[in-house]
Each structure stands twice: as C-alpha cells, then as structure tokens.
Amino acid sequence: MTIDKKQTGTELTVALRGRLDTTTAPQLELELQNSLQGVESLIFDFSALEYISSAGLRVLLYAQKVMNRQGKMVVRGANDMIREVFDITGFVDILTIEE
C-alpha cells in the first residue's frame, strides 16, 4: 500500500493505493499518529484502494475518534467492495462516506 498525504492549512487528504490489511494497517496508523495534530478536516481518498480488512477498519475507527474531538473526517471514492464492507460492518453509520 502507498500513502500519499497532502496538507493545506488544517485540511489533510490521505490517498491510499493498494490494500489496507493486517500488514499495512500499522503503517497507516503510525502515519496518522504523526500527522493529525492541528488537523480539523481529514479526507481519506479511497479511489485507488482495492481492499480493506478488519485491521484497516480499526485504523479508520481510531482516526474517526480523533477527528470527533478536533474536526471532521470524510471517506471519498470507495469502490463497491469497500462500500459493501462498510455496510456489513455498520461503518456506514460511523463514517461520513461520499462518492
């Protein structure tokens, strides 16, 4: 998985490419721990993300909890398979998901 970050003021966009799974989730969590201070708007761009596992969902939950305290978080561009995972797990009720 590759992580591309772009920050503009207090808005951080994190674009993920590849698979967010048990192997790559710790890398994303570390990146977020080092990047979220002062961020008021976190945008995940999933347009190039192919797969997400429960480990990836846990990292999204972590990010959502942080952003609930300091701003907002949005997930954009998730493919049908990832959207189905969000539906089945109930994450559609936790996350803000946009096209």
C-alpha atoms as a PDB file:
ATOM      1  CA  MET A   1       0.000   0.000   0.000  1.00  0.00           C
ATOM      2  CA  THR A   2       1.174   3.512  -0.705  1.00  0.00           C
ATOM      3  CA  ILE A   3       0.102   6.538   1.319  1.00  0.00           C
ATOM      4  CA  ASP A   4       0.074   9.972  -0.283  1.00  0.00           C
ATOM      5  CA  LYS A   5      -0.572  12.888   2.071  1.00  0.00           C
ATOM      6  CA  LYS A   6      -1.373  16.453   1.097  1.00  0.00           C
ATOM      7  CA  GLN A   7      -1.969  19.141   3.692  1.00  0.00           C
ATOM      8  CA  THR A   8      -3.496  22.538   3.019  1.00  0.00           C
ATOM      9  CA  GLY A   9      -3.811  24.571   6.189  1.00  0.00           C
ATOM     10  CA  THR A  10      -5.816  22.474   8.643  1.00  0.00           C
ATOM     11  CA  GLU A  11      -7.096  20.073   5.956  1.00  0.00           C
ATOM     12  CA  LEU A  12      -5.259  16.787   5.408  1.00  0.00           C
ATOM     13  CA  THR A  13      -6.002  14.487   2.488  1.00  0.00           C
ATOM     14  CA  VAL A  14      -4.723  10.927   2.730  1.00  0.00           C
ATOM     15  CA  ALA A  15      -4.869   8.966  -0.530  1.00  0.00           C
ATOM     16  CA  LEU A  16      -4.378   5.217  -0.236  1.00  0.00           C
ATOM     17  CA  ARG A  17      -3.391   2.889  -3.073  1.00  0.00           C
ATOM     18  CA  GLY A  18      -3.422  -0.899  -2.841  1.00  0.00           C
ATOM     19  CA  ARG A  19      -4.591  -2.985   0.122  1.00  0.00           C
ATOM     20  CA  LEU A  20      -5.306  -1.807   3.670  1.00  0.00           C
ATOM     21  CA  ASP A  21      -4.905  -5.027   5.634  1.00  0.00           C
ATOM     22  CA  THR A  22      -3.120  -6.588   8.617  1.00  0.00           C
ATOM     23  CA  THR A  23       0.271  -5.948   7.027  1.00  0.00           C
ATOM     24  CA  THR A  24      -0.272  -2.306   6.033  1.00  0.00           C
ATOM     25  CA  ALA A  25      -2.668  -1.032   8.738  1.00  0.00           C
ATOM     26  CA  PRO A  26       0.126  -0.365  11.296  1.00  0.00           C
ATOM     27  CA  GLN A  27       1.901   1.829   8.720  1.00  0.00           C
ATOM     28  CA  LEU A  28      -1.239   3.930   8.208  1.00  0.00           C
ATOM     29  CA  GLU A  29      -1.884   4.182  11.939  1.00  0.00           C
ATOM     30  CA  LEU A  30       1.664   5.448  12.533  1.00  0.00           C
ATOM     31  CA  GLU A  31       1.312   7.995   9.711  1.00  0.00           C
ATOM     32  CA  LEU A  32      -1.940   9.254  11.238  1.00  0.00           C
ATOM     33  CA  GLN A  33      -0.499   9.459  14.753  1.00  0.00           C
ATOM     34  CA  ASN A  34       2.281  11.661  13.368  1.00  0.00           C
ATOM     35  CA  SER A  35       0.027  13.793  11.150  1.00  0.00           C
ATOM     36  CA  LEU A  36      -3.282  14.596  12.860  1.00  0.00           C
ATOM     37  CA  GLN A  37      -2.205  17.252  15.324  1.00  0.00           C
ATOM     38  CA  GLY A  38      -3.840  20.531  14.311  1.00  0.00           C
ATOM     39  CA  VAL A  39      -5.897  18.889  11.551  1.00  0.00           C
ATOM     40  CA  GLU A  40      -9.538  19.979  11.522  1.00  0.00           C
ATOM     41  CA  SER A  41     -10.590  18.210   8.313  1.00  0.00           C
ATOM     42  CA  LEU A  42      -9.341  14.729   7.409  1.00  0.00           C
ATOM     43  CA  ILE A  43     -10.210  13.370   3.975  1.00  0.00           C
ATOM     44  CA  PHE A  44      -9.466   9.778   3.008  1.00  0.00           C
ATOM     45  CA  ASP A  45      -9.278   9.267  -0.763  1.00  0.00           C
ATOM     46  CA  PHE A  46     -10.026   5.581  -1.385  1.00  0.00           C
ATOM     47  CA  SER A  47     -10.354   5.851  -5.184  1.00  0.00           C
ATOM     48  CA  ALA A  48      -7.238   3.651  -5.636  1.00  0.00           C
ATOM     49  CA  LEU A  49      -7.803   1.425  -2.593  1.00  0.00           C
ATOM     50  CA  GLU A  50      -8.546  -2.154  -3.677  1.00  0.00           C
ATOM     51  CA  TYR A  51      -9.277  -3.884  -0.370  1.00  0.00           C
ATOM     52  CA  ILE A  52      -9.842  -3.192   3.328  1.00  0.00           C
ATOM     53  CA  SER A  53      -9.684  -5.740   6.163  1.00  0.00           C
ATOM     54  CA  SER A  54     -10.814  -5.561   9.780  1.00  0.00           C
ATOM     55  CA  ALA A  55      -7.360  -4.229  10.682  1.00  0.00           C
ATOM     56  CA  GLY A  56      -7.935  -1.371   8.248  1.00  0.00           C
ATOM     57  CA  LEU A  57     -11.364  -0.722   9.724  1.00  0.00           C
ATOM     58  CA  ARG A  58      -9.789  -0.473  13.176  1.00  0.00           C
ATOM     59  CA  VAL A  59      -7.440   2.271  11.930  1.00  0.00           C
ATOM     60  CA  LEU A  60     -10.389   4.151  10.411  1.00  0.00           C
ATOM     61  CA  LEU A  61     -12.190   3.889  13.746  1.00  0.00           C
ATOM     62  CA  TYR A  62      -9.112   5.290  15.505  1.00  0.00           C
ATOM     63  CA  ALA A  63      -8.972   8.209  13.052  1.00  0.00           C
ATOM     64  CA  GLN A  64     -12.704   8.884  13.438  1.00  0.00           C
ATOM     65  CA  LYS A  65     -12.387   9.022  17.237  1.00  0.00           C
ATOM     66  CA  VAL A  66      -9.525  11.518  16.988  1.00  0.00           C
ATOM     67  CA  MET A  67     -11.386  13.649  14.457  1.00  0.00           C
ATOM     68  CA  ASN A  68     -14.586  13.612  16.525  1.00  0.00           C
ATOM     69  CA  ARG A  69     -12.612  15.644  19.077  1.00  0.00           C
ATOM     70  CA  GLN A  70     -10.914  18.062  16.698  1.00  0.00           C
ATOM     71  CA  GLY A  71     -12.924  18.340  13.498  1.00  0.00           C
ATOM     72  CA  LYS A  72     -14.431  16.143  10.792  1.00  0.00           C
ATOM     73  CA  MET A  73     -13.472  13.130   8.713  1.00  0.00           C
ATOM     74  CA  VAL A  74     -14.731  12.059   5.284  1.00  0.00           C
ATOM     75  CA  VAL A  75     -14.118   8.937   3.183  1.00  0.00           C
ATOM     76  CA  ARG A  76     -14.293   9.506  -0.572  1.00  0.00           C
ATOM     77  CA  GLY A  77     -14.089   7.303  -3.651  1.00  0.00           C
ATOM     78  CA  ALA A  78     -14.590   3.880  -2.040  1.00  0.00           C
ATOM     79  CA  ASN A  79     -15.273   1.139  -4.586  1.00  0.00           C
ATOM     80  CA  ASP A  80     -18.318  -1.137  -4.387  1.00  0.00           C
ATOM     81  CA  MET A  81     -16.499  -3.884  -2.484  1.00  0.00           C
ATOM     82  CA  ILE A  82     -15.242  -1.487   0.195  1.00  0.00           C
ATOM     83  CA  ARG A  83     -18.688   0.121   0.433  1.00  0.00           C
ATOM     84  CA  GLU A  84     -20.154  -3.341   0.979  1.00  0.00           C
ATOM     85  CA  VAL A  85     -17.676  -3.933   3.836  1.00  0.00           C
ATOM     86  CA  PHE A  86     -18.799  -0.620   5.359  1.00  0.00           C
ATOM     87  CA  ASP A  87     -22.445  -1.689   5.005  1.00  0.00           C
ATOM     88  CA  ILE A  88     -21.973  -5.146   6.506  1.00  0.00           C
ATOM     89  CA  THR A  89     -19.901  -3.902   9.454  1.00  0.00           C
ATOM     90  CA  GLY A  90     -22.133  -0.918  10.223  1.00  0.00           C
ATOM     91  CA  PHE A  91     -19.366   1.570   9.456  1.00  0.00           C
ATOM     92  CA  VAL A  92     -21.833   3.437   7.226  1.00  0.00           C
ATOM     93  CA  ASP A  93     -23.361   4.668  10.486  1.00  0.00           C
ATOM     94  CA  ILE A  94     -19.991   5.718  11.945  1.00  0.00           C
ATOM     95  CA  LEU A  95     -18.221   7.278   8.954  1.00  0.00           C
ATOM     96  CA  THR A  96     -19.136  10.084   6.586  1.00  0.00           C
ATOM     97  CA  ILE A  97     -18.881   8.436   3.170  1.00  0.00           C
ATOM     98  CA  GLU A  98     -19.011  10.456  -0.047  1.00  0.00           C
ATOM     99  CA  GLU A  99     -18.820   9.467  -3.713  1.00  0.00           C
END
